[in-house]
Structure formats: structure tokens, C-alpha cells
């Protein structure tokens, strides 16, 4: 339990909610489609394999995309710093350095504060880029976490299909447990401190996921 708690504490909250929604929507889409008779499966095994396979595929896709995009951004930053350090006229690199602040907290600050941040970078000396490995490891952790979270969302549906004999009960139980899991994930990862706002985040996460599930099931995934 402590290992799971430590794992959850290290995960980016937005990533956790995003991948949970992805995974539960995909697994519940198969359950809902089978429950409504939109898709027909020869047996439970075929349905279970479809759920596991889809979550595995999408989890793997997200893992690759997230890691490549993060690493591309990191490499661009390293190149920008390298070019700045070897440039005879650092002022020519000011615009490129400023662009690297896009998407950070400096977007919310006044222009003079941002200018000071750029001046600080422009006036720095070449180091050994010690933060590179740390950032690379963080990106790898996030990418692997995305795959793990997405794959784990198949567990409620698979367990219900394996342990509950009646189709109606199994499908309903899977939807109920998955919805409850989505609520607690939204609650746990909410950026707010008030319990009411945490509960609201959990409800919104659950409602949005279920609406997307119905949409995906109706239109064939």
C-alpha cells in the first residue's frame, strides 16, 4: 500500500486523470456496447481480450508519444542553451530563449518579470547540464506511468467478467466500480483543497467519462 501511495504521489495529477479517463472510457465502451447489444462477442474471453488489448495499445501509444514529445522539448532547450553559450553575440539568442519560457509560470507574470528571467538565463555561464538526466528520468517515469495507469483501468471490468456469471450483473458491476474509481481519482488528484471542490472534480471526471463512453459505444468506438 505504501508503494502504491508513493507511486501516486509522484505522478502528475493531470496525467493521472487524463490516462484514467482514457483507460476507463475505452474499457467501458466495450462493456456498454456489449450490454446494449451494439457489439456481440462469442464468449467472455473474447470480450476480456478486447478490453485488455485496447487498453494496452492506447497505453503504449501514450507512453511513446509523451516520452518523444518531452524529449524533443528537452533537446531543443539544450540546443538553445548550447547555441547561446557559444554565440559571439548572445543578444541574438534573446528571442529563442524567451520562447522557451512559453507554457511556464512566466506566462502569468508581467512583462518585466519575464524580461528579468530572460536576462538571468542570458547572463548565465555554461554548466554541465546536470539537470538533463533528472528531467530525462522524470519524462521516462511519466511515460511509463501513463501506460501503467491506462492498462490498470481494465482491471475492474476484467475482474467482474471473470467472477460474476450473470451478464447483466457483471456489466453493471463493472460500470459501477469503474465509475467509483473515476470519482476517487478525480477527488484524489483535484488541485483544490476544499472537500466540496475535490468532490466536484471527482463528479465531473466521472460524468465526462461516462458521457464519452456512451458516445463511443453508440458510434462504434
C-alpha atoms as a PDB file:
ATOM      1  CA  UNK A   1       0.000   0.000   0.000  1.00  0.00           C
ATOM      2  CA  UNK A   2       2.876   2.386   0.839  1.00  0.00           C
ATOM      3  CA  UNK A   3       4.477   1.685  -2.539  1.00  0.00           C
ATOM      4  CA  UNK A   4       1.203   2.498  -4.307  1.00  0.00           C
ATOM      5  CA  UNK A   5       0.844   5.728  -2.303  1.00  0.00           C
ATOM      6  CA  UNK A   6       4.398   6.763  -3.171  1.00  0.00           C
ATOM      7  CA  UNK A   7       3.724   5.974  -6.823  1.00  0.00           C
ATOM      8  CA  UNK A   8       0.569   8.106  -6.840  1.00  0.00           C
ATOM      9  CA  UNK A   9       2.346  10.996  -5.097  1.00  0.00           C
ATOM     10  CA  UNK A  10       4.973  11.121  -7.845  1.00  0.00           C
ATOM     11  CA  UNK A  11       2.519  11.116 -10.740  1.00  0.00           C
ATOM     12  CA  UNK A  12       1.465  14.362 -12.344  1.00  0.00           C
ATOM     13  CA  UNK A  13      -2.213  14.892 -11.306  1.00  0.00           C
ATOM     14  CA  UNK A  14      -3.293  15.944 -14.788  1.00  0.00           C
ATOM     15  CA  UNK A  15      -1.629  12.871 -16.271  1.00  0.00           C
ATOM     16  CA  UNK A  16      -3.353  10.614 -13.740  1.00  0.00           C
ATOM     17  CA  UNK A  17      -6.823  11.981 -14.511  1.00  0.00           C
ATOM     18  CA  UNK A  18      -6.196  12.042 -18.263  1.00  0.00           C
ATOM     19  CA  UNK A  19      -4.957   8.467 -18.526  1.00  0.00           C
ATOM     20  CA  UNK A  20      -7.632   7.191 -16.142  1.00  0.00           C
ATOM     21  CA  UNK A  21     -10.321   8.733 -18.292  1.00  0.00           C
ATOM     22  CA  UNK A  22      -8.748   7.293 -21.430  1.00  0.00           C
ATOM     23  CA  UNK A  23      -8.488   3.812 -19.998  1.00  0.00           C
ATOM     24  CA  UNK A  24     -11.880   3.606 -18.305  1.00  0.00           C
ATOM     25  CA  UNK A  25     -13.660   5.084 -21.316  1.00  0.00           C
ATOM     26  CA  UNK A  26     -12.059   2.513 -23.608  1.00  0.00           C
ATOM     27  CA  UNK A  27     -12.769  -0.485 -21.371  1.00  0.00           C
ATOM     28  CA  UNK A  28     -16.303   0.675 -20.531  1.00  0.00           C
ATOM     29  CA  UNK A  29     -17.015   1.296 -24.202  1.00  0.00           C
ATOM     30  CA  UNK A  30     -16.699  -2.441 -24.840  1.00  0.00           C
ATOM     31  CA  UNK A  31     -18.819  -3.245 -21.782  1.00  0.00           C
ATOM     32  CA  UNK A  32     -21.533  -0.740 -22.717  1.00  0.00           C
ATOM     33  CA  UNK A  33     -21.578  -1.830 -26.361  1.00  0.00           C
ATOM     34  CA  UNK A  34     -21.980  -5.469 -25.318  1.00  0.00           C
ATOM     35  CA  UNK A  35     -24.621  -4.560 -22.735  1.00  0.00           C
ATOM     36  CA  UNK A  36     -26.671  -2.603 -25.287  1.00  0.00           C
ATOM     37  CA  UNK A  37     -26.263  -5.269 -27.920  1.00  0.00           C
ATOM     38  CA  UNK A  38     -24.346  -2.963 -30.267  1.00  0.00           C
ATOM     39  CA  UNK A  39     -21.488  -5.461 -30.464  1.00  0.00           C
ATOM     40  CA  UNK A  40     -21.710  -9.197 -29.958  1.00  0.00           C
ATOM     41  CA  UNK A  41     -18.885 -11.361 -28.629  1.00  0.00           C
ATOM     42  CA  UNK A  42     -18.649 -15.113 -28.950  1.00  0.00           C
ATOM     43  CA  UNK A  43     -17.750 -15.502 -25.267  1.00  0.00           C
ATOM     44  CA  UNK A  44     -16.432 -13.677 -22.226  1.00  0.00           C
ATOM     45  CA  UNK A  45     -12.830 -14.428 -23.166  1.00  0.00           C
ATOM     46  CA  UNK A  46     -13.157 -12.518 -26.441  1.00  0.00           C
ATOM     47  CA  UNK A  47     -14.588  -9.507 -24.625  1.00  0.00           C
ATOM     48  CA  UNK A  48     -11.863  -9.609 -21.955  1.00  0.00           C
ATOM     49  CA  UNK A  49      -9.119  -9.833 -24.577  1.00  0.00           C
ATOM     50  CA  UNK A  50     -10.648  -6.916 -26.463  1.00  0.00           C
ATOM     51  CA  UNK A  51     -10.654  -4.759 -23.323  1.00  0.00           C
ATOM     52  CA  UNK A  52      -7.109  -5.695 -22.293  1.00  0.00           C
ATOM     53  CA  UNK A  53      -5.807  -5.343 -25.834  1.00  0.00           C
ATOM     54  CA  UNK A  54      -7.305  -1.887 -26.378  1.00  0.00           C
ATOM     55  CA  UNK A  55      -6.044  -0.511 -23.062  1.00  0.00           C
ATOM     56  CA  UNK A  56      -2.597  -1.976 -23.715  1.00  0.00           C
ATOM     57  CA  UNK A  57      -2.404  -0.474 -27.207  1.00  0.00           C
ATOM     58  CA  UNK A  58      -3.518   3.001 -26.178  1.00  0.00           C
ATOM     59  CA  UNK A  59      -1.371   2.963 -23.065  1.00  0.00           C
ATOM     60  CA  UNK A  60       1.653   2.064 -25.190  1.00  0.00           C
ATOM     61  CA  UNK A  61       0.834   4.795 -27.714  1.00  0.00           C
ATOM     62  CA  UNK A  62       0.603   7.430 -24.993  1.00  0.00           C
ATOM     63  CA  UNK A  63       3.826   6.201 -23.432  1.00  0.00           C
ATOM     64  CA  UNK A  64       5.702   6.610 -26.709  1.00  0.00           C
ATOM     65  CA  UNK A  65       4.134   9.947 -27.658  1.00  0.00           C
ATOM     66  CA  UNK A  66       4.609  11.551 -24.238  1.00  0.00           C
ATOM     67  CA  UNK A  67       8.231  10.471 -23.981  1.00  0.00           C
ATOM     68  CA  UNK A  68       9.150  11.540 -27.508  1.00  0.00           C
ATOM     69  CA  UNK A  69       7.439  14.935 -27.187  1.00  0.00           C
ATOM     70  CA  UNK A  70       9.041  15.637 -23.806  1.00  0.00           C
ATOM     71  CA  UNK A  71      12.469  14.574 -25.040  1.00  0.00           C
ATOM     72  CA  UNK A  72      12.137  16.680 -28.180  1.00  0.00           C
ATOM     73  CA  UNK A  73      11.359  19.686 -25.991  1.00  0.00           C
ATOM     74  CA  UNK A  74      14.307  18.901 -23.716  1.00  0.00           C
ATOM     75  CA  UNK A  75      16.685  18.517 -26.652  1.00  0.00           C
ATOM     76  CA  UNK A  76      15.506  21.827 -28.081  1.00  0.00           C
ATOM     77  CA  UNK A  77      16.227  23.533 -24.773  1.00  0.00           C
ATOM     78  CA  UNK A  78      19.719  22.021 -24.613  1.00  0.00           C
ATOM     79  CA  UNK A  79      20.431  23.134 -28.185  1.00  0.00           C
ATOM     80  CA  UNK A  80      19.178  26.651 -27.425  1.00  0.00           C
ATOM     81  CA  UNK A  81      21.459  26.927 -24.392  1.00  0.00           C
ATOM     82  CA  UNK A  82      24.389  25.462 -26.307  1.00  0.00           C
ATOM     83  CA  UNK A  83      23.957  27.933 -29.149  1.00  0.00           C
ATOM     84  CA  UNK A  84      23.680  30.784 -26.675  1.00  0.00           C
ATOM     85  CA  UNK A  85      26.862  29.821 -24.819  1.00  0.00           C
ATOM     86  CA  UNK A  86      28.975  29.592 -27.983  1.00  0.00           C
ATOM     87  CA  UNK A  87      27.447  32.612 -29.692  1.00  0.00           C
ATOM     88  CA  UNK A  88      29.664  35.668 -30.041  1.00  0.00           C
ATOM     89  CA  UNK A  89      26.557  37.834 -29.764  1.00  0.00           C
ATOM     90  CA  UNK A  90      24.262  36.430 -27.078  1.00  0.00           C
ATOM     91  CA  UNK A  91      21.705  39.165 -27.674  1.00  0.00           C
ATOM     92  CA  UNK A  92      20.841  37.488 -30.981  1.00  0.00           C
ATOM     93  CA  UNK A  93      19.589  34.487 -28.992  1.00  0.00           C
ATOM     94  CA  UNK A  94      17.233  36.508 -26.799  1.00  0.00           C
ATOM     95  CA  UNK A  95      14.105  35.674 -28.808  1.00  0.00           C
ATOM     96  CA  UNK A  96      14.832  31.940 -28.760  1.00  0.00           C
ATOM     97  CA  UNK A  97      15.473  31.974 -25.014  1.00  0.00           C
ATOM     98  CA  UNK A  98      12.244  33.898 -24.459  1.00  0.00           C
ATOM     99  CA  UNK A  99      10.270  31.283 -26.441  1.00  0.00           C
ATOM    100  CA  UNK A 100      11.475  28.584 -24.061  1.00  0.00           C
ATOM    101  CA  UNK A 101       9.529  30.322 -21.292  1.00  0.00           C
ATOM    102  CA  UNK A 102       6.246  29.764 -23.140  1.00  0.00           C
ATOM    103  CA  UNK A 103       3.942  27.377 -21.333  1.00  0.00           C
ATOM    104  CA  UNK A 104       5.533  28.073 -17.950  1.00  0.00           C
ATOM    105  CA  UNK A 105       4.523  30.156 -14.949  1.00  0.00           C
ATOM    106  CA  UNK A 106       6.050  33.196 -16.631  1.00  0.00           C
ATOM    107  CA  UNK A 107       3.042  33.340 -18.974  1.00  0.00           C
ATOM    108  CA  UNK A 108       1.034  34.568 -15.979  1.00  0.00           C
ATOM    109  CA  UNK A 109       3.508  37.247 -14.925  1.00  0.00           C
ATOM    110  CA  UNK A 110       4.051  40.774 -16.120  1.00  0.00           C
ATOM    111  CA  UNK A 111       6.430  41.515 -18.962  1.00  0.00           C
ATOM    112  CA  UNK A 112       9.166  42.977 -16.794  1.00  0.00           C
ATOM    113  CA  UNK A 113       9.348  39.821 -14.666  1.00  0.00           C
ATOM    114  CA  UNK A 114       9.652  37.722 -17.789  1.00  0.00           C
ATOM    115  CA  UNK A 115      12.356  40.003 -19.106  1.00  0.00           C
ATOM    116  CA  UNK A 116      14.311  39.558 -15.866  1.00  0.00           C
ATOM    117  CA  UNK A 117      14.037  35.781 -16.237  1.00  0.00           C
ATOM    118  CA  UNK A 118      15.406  36.004 -19.776  1.00  0.00           C
ATOM    119  CA  UNK A 119      18.226  38.277 -18.556  1.00  0.00           C
ATOM    120  CA  UNK A 120      19.098  35.716 -15.872  1.00  0.00           C
ATOM    121  CA  UNK A 121      19.387  32.942 -18.461  1.00  0.00           C
ATOM    122  CA  UNK A 122      21.289  35.144 -20.887  1.00  0.00           C
ATOM    123  CA  UNK A 123      23.802  36.061 -18.193  1.00  0.00           C
ATOM    124  CA  UNK A 124      24.399  32.500 -17.009  1.00  0.00           C
ATOM    125  CA  UNK A 125      27.576  30.541 -17.574  1.00  0.00           C
ATOM    126  CA  UNK A 126      27.895  27.139 -19.208  1.00  0.00           C
ATOM    127  CA  UNK A 127      27.477  24.282 -16.760  1.00  0.00           C
ATOM    128  CA  UNK A 128      27.433  20.525 -17.159  1.00  0.00           C
ATOM    129  CA  UNK A 129      23.672  20.406 -17.828  1.00  0.00           C
ATOM    130  CA  UNK A 130      23.258  18.377 -14.640  1.00  0.00           C
ATOM    131  CA  UNK A 131      19.504  18.751 -14.812  1.00  0.00           C
ATOM    132  CA  UNK A 132      19.336  16.903 -18.144  1.00  0.00           C
ATOM    133  CA  UNK A 133      19.449  13.408 -16.660  1.00  0.00           C
ATOM    134  CA  UNK A 134      16.966  14.333 -13.932  1.00  0.00           C
ATOM    135  CA  UNK A 135      14.487  15.679 -16.474  1.00  0.00           C
ATOM    136  CA  UNK A 136      15.021  12.689 -18.752  1.00  0.00           C
ATOM    137  CA  UNK A 137      14.290  10.287 -15.882  1.00  0.00           C
ATOM    138  CA  UNK A 138      11.176  12.279 -14.955  1.00  0.00           C
ATOM    139  CA  UNK A 139       9.878  12.116 -18.511  1.00  0.00           C
ATOM    140  CA  UNK A 140      10.522   8.385 -18.658  1.00  0.00           C
ATOM    141  CA  UNK A 141       8.681   7.892 -15.362  1.00  0.00           C
ATOM    142  CA  UNK A 142       5.686   9.883 -16.622  1.00  0.00           C
ATOM    143  CA  UNK A 143       5.595   7.962 -19.890  1.00  0.00           C
ATOM    144  CA  UNK A 144       5.728   4.546 -18.209  1.00  0.00           C
ATOM    145  CA  UNK A 145       3.182   5.714 -15.636  1.00  0.00           C
ATOM    146  CA  UNK A 146       0.795   6.676 -18.428  1.00  0.00           C
ATOM    147  CA  UNK A 147       0.952   3.138 -19.835  1.00  0.00           C
ATOM    148  CA  UNK A 148       0.541   1.532 -16.399  1.00  0.00           C
ATOM    149  CA  UNK A 149      -2.440   3.698 -15.450  1.00  0.00           C
ATOM    150  CA  UNK A 150      -4.215   3.066 -18.743  1.00  0.00           C
ATOM    151  CA  UNK A 151      -3.645  -0.684 -18.527  1.00  0.00           C
ATOM    152  CA  UNK A 152      -4.776  -0.867 -14.894  1.00  0.00           C
ATOM    153  CA  UNK A 153      -8.149   0.659 -15.749  1.00  0.00           C
ATOM    154  CA  UNK A 154      -9.075  -2.646 -17.380  1.00  0.00           C
ATOM    155  CA  UNK A 155      -8.918  -4.434 -14.005  1.00  0.00           C
ATOM    156  CA  UNK A 156     -12.487  -3.679 -12.760  1.00  0.00           C
ATOM    157  CA  UNK A 157     -14.103  -4.837 -15.994  1.00  0.00           C
ATOM    158  CA  UNK A 158     -11.944  -7.951 -16.277  1.00  0.00           C
ATOM    159  CA  UNK A 159     -12.478  -8.969 -12.637  1.00  0.00           C
ATOM    160  CA  UNK A 160     -16.250  -8.562 -12.924  1.00  0.00           C
ATOM    161  CA  UNK A 161     -16.352 -10.583 -16.140  1.00  0.00           C
ATOM    162  CA  UNK A 162     -14.265 -13.336 -14.590  1.00  0.00           C
ATOM    163  CA  UNK A 163     -16.070 -13.608 -11.263  1.00  0.00           C
ATOM    164  CA  UNK A 164     -19.711 -12.769 -11.997  1.00  0.00           C
ATOM    165  CA  UNK A 165     -21.683 -15.290 -14.025  1.00  0.00           C
ATOM    166  CA  UNK A 166     -24.739 -13.231 -14.961  1.00  0.00           C
ATOM    167  CA  UNK A 167     -24.038 -10.850 -17.849  1.00  0.00           C
ATOM    168  CA  UNK A 168     -26.340  -8.066 -16.639  1.00  0.00           C
ATOM    169  CA  UNK A 169     -24.858  -8.101 -13.139  1.00  0.00           C
ATOM    170  CA  UNK A 170     -21.301  -8.335 -14.459  1.00  0.00           C
ATOM    171  CA  UNK A 171     -21.758  -5.404 -16.825  1.00  0.00           C
ATOM    172  CA  UNK A 172     -23.500  -3.259 -14.210  1.00  0.00           C
ATOM    173  CA  UNK A 173     -20.887  -4.078 -11.552  1.00  0.00           C
ATOM    174  CA  UNK A 174     -18.063  -3.219 -13.933  1.00  0.00           C
ATOM    175  CA  UNK A 175     -19.621   0.150 -14.757  1.00  0.00           C
ATOM    176  CA  UNK A 176     -20.333   0.920 -11.095  1.00  0.00           C
ATOM    177  CA  UNK A 177     -16.854   0.019  -9.833  1.00  0.00           C
ATOM    178  CA  UNK A 178     -15.162   1.875 -12.693  1.00  0.00           C
ATOM    179  CA  UNK A 179     -17.316   4.953 -12.044  1.00  0.00           C
ATOM    180  CA  UNK A 180     -16.438   4.842  -8.359  1.00  0.00           C
ATOM    181  CA  UNK A 181     -12.745   4.553  -9.246  1.00  0.00           C
ATOM    182  CA  UNK A 182     -13.020   7.558 -11.563  1.00  0.00           C
ATOM    183  CA  UNK A 183     -14.651   9.594  -8.814  1.00  0.00           C
ATOM    184  CA  UNK A 184     -11.912   8.850  -6.291  1.00  0.00           C
ATOM    185  CA  UNK A 185      -9.184   9.504  -8.855  1.00  0.00           C
ATOM    186  CA  UNK A 186     -10.731  12.883  -9.647  1.00  0.00           C
ATOM    187  CA  UNK A 187     -11.109  13.573  -5.926  1.00  0.00           C
ATOM    188  CA  UNK A 188      -7.573  12.465  -5.064  1.00  0.00           C
ATOM    189  CA  UNK A 189      -5.930  14.394  -7.896  1.00  0.00           C
ATOM    190  CA  UNK A 190      -8.002  17.569  -7.591  1.00  0.00           C
ATOM    191  CA  UNK A 191      -5.879  20.743  -7.340  1.00  0.00           C
ATOM    192  CA  UNK A 192      -8.335  22.189  -4.833  1.00  0.00           C
ATOM    193  CA  UNK A 193      -8.129  21.939  -1.042  1.00  0.00           C
ATOM    194  CA  UNK A 194     -11.809  22.160  -0.133  1.00  0.00           C
ATOM    195  CA  UNK A 195     -13.538  18.797   0.034  1.00  0.00           C
ATOM    196  CA  UNK A 196     -16.536  20.162  -1.830  1.00  0.00           C
ATOM    197  CA  UNK A 197     -14.339  21.185  -4.749  1.00  0.00           C
ATOM    198  CA  UNK A 198     -12.499  17.872  -4.650  1.00  0.00           C
ATOM    199  CA  UNK A 199     -15.854  16.075  -4.779  1.00  0.00           C
ATOM    200  CA  UNK A 200     -16.934  18.295  -7.677  1.00  0.00           C
ATOM    201  CA  UNK A 201     -13.762  17.395  -9.580  1.00  0.00           C
ATOM    202  CA  UNK A 202     -14.493  13.725  -8.952  1.00  0.00           C
ATOM    203  CA  UNK A 203     -18.081  14.070 -10.174  1.00  0.00           C
ATOM    204  CA  UNK A 204     -17.053  15.990 -13.299  1.00  0.00           C
ATOM    205  CA  UNK A 205     -14.376  13.403 -14.092  1.00  0.00           C
ATOM    206  CA  UNK A 206     -16.882  10.571 -13.704  1.00  0.00           C
ATOM    207  CA  UNK A 207     -19.696  12.264 -15.629  1.00  0.00           C
ATOM    208  CA  UNK A 208     -17.438  13.268 -18.522  1.00  0.00           C
ATOM    209  CA  UNK A 209     -16.029   9.734 -18.758  1.00  0.00           C
ATOM    210  CA  UNK A 210     -19.474   8.119 -18.786  1.00  0.00           C
ATOM    211  CA  UNK A 211     -20.774  10.528 -21.426  1.00  0.00           C
ATOM    212  CA  UNK A 212     -17.762   9.789 -23.621  1.00  0.00           C
ATOM    213  CA  UNK A 213     -18.341   6.074 -23.046  1.00  0.00           C
ATOM    214  CA  UNK A 214     -21.936   6.271 -24.280  1.00  0.00           C
ATOM    215  CA  UNK A 215     -20.858   8.360 -27.265  1.00  0.00           C
ATOM    216  CA  UNK A 216     -18.074   5.950 -28.191  1.00  0.00           C
ATOM    217  CA  UNK A 217     -20.273   2.870 -27.736  1.00  0.00           C
ATOM    218  CA  UNK A 218     -23.110   4.300 -29.827  1.00  0.00           C
ATOM    219  CA  UNK A 219     -20.834   5.317 -32.686  1.00  0.00           C
ATOM    220  CA  UNK A 220     -18.838   2.111 -32.614  1.00  0.00           C
ATOM    221  CA  UNK A 221     -15.827   3.268 -30.582  1.00  0.00           C
END
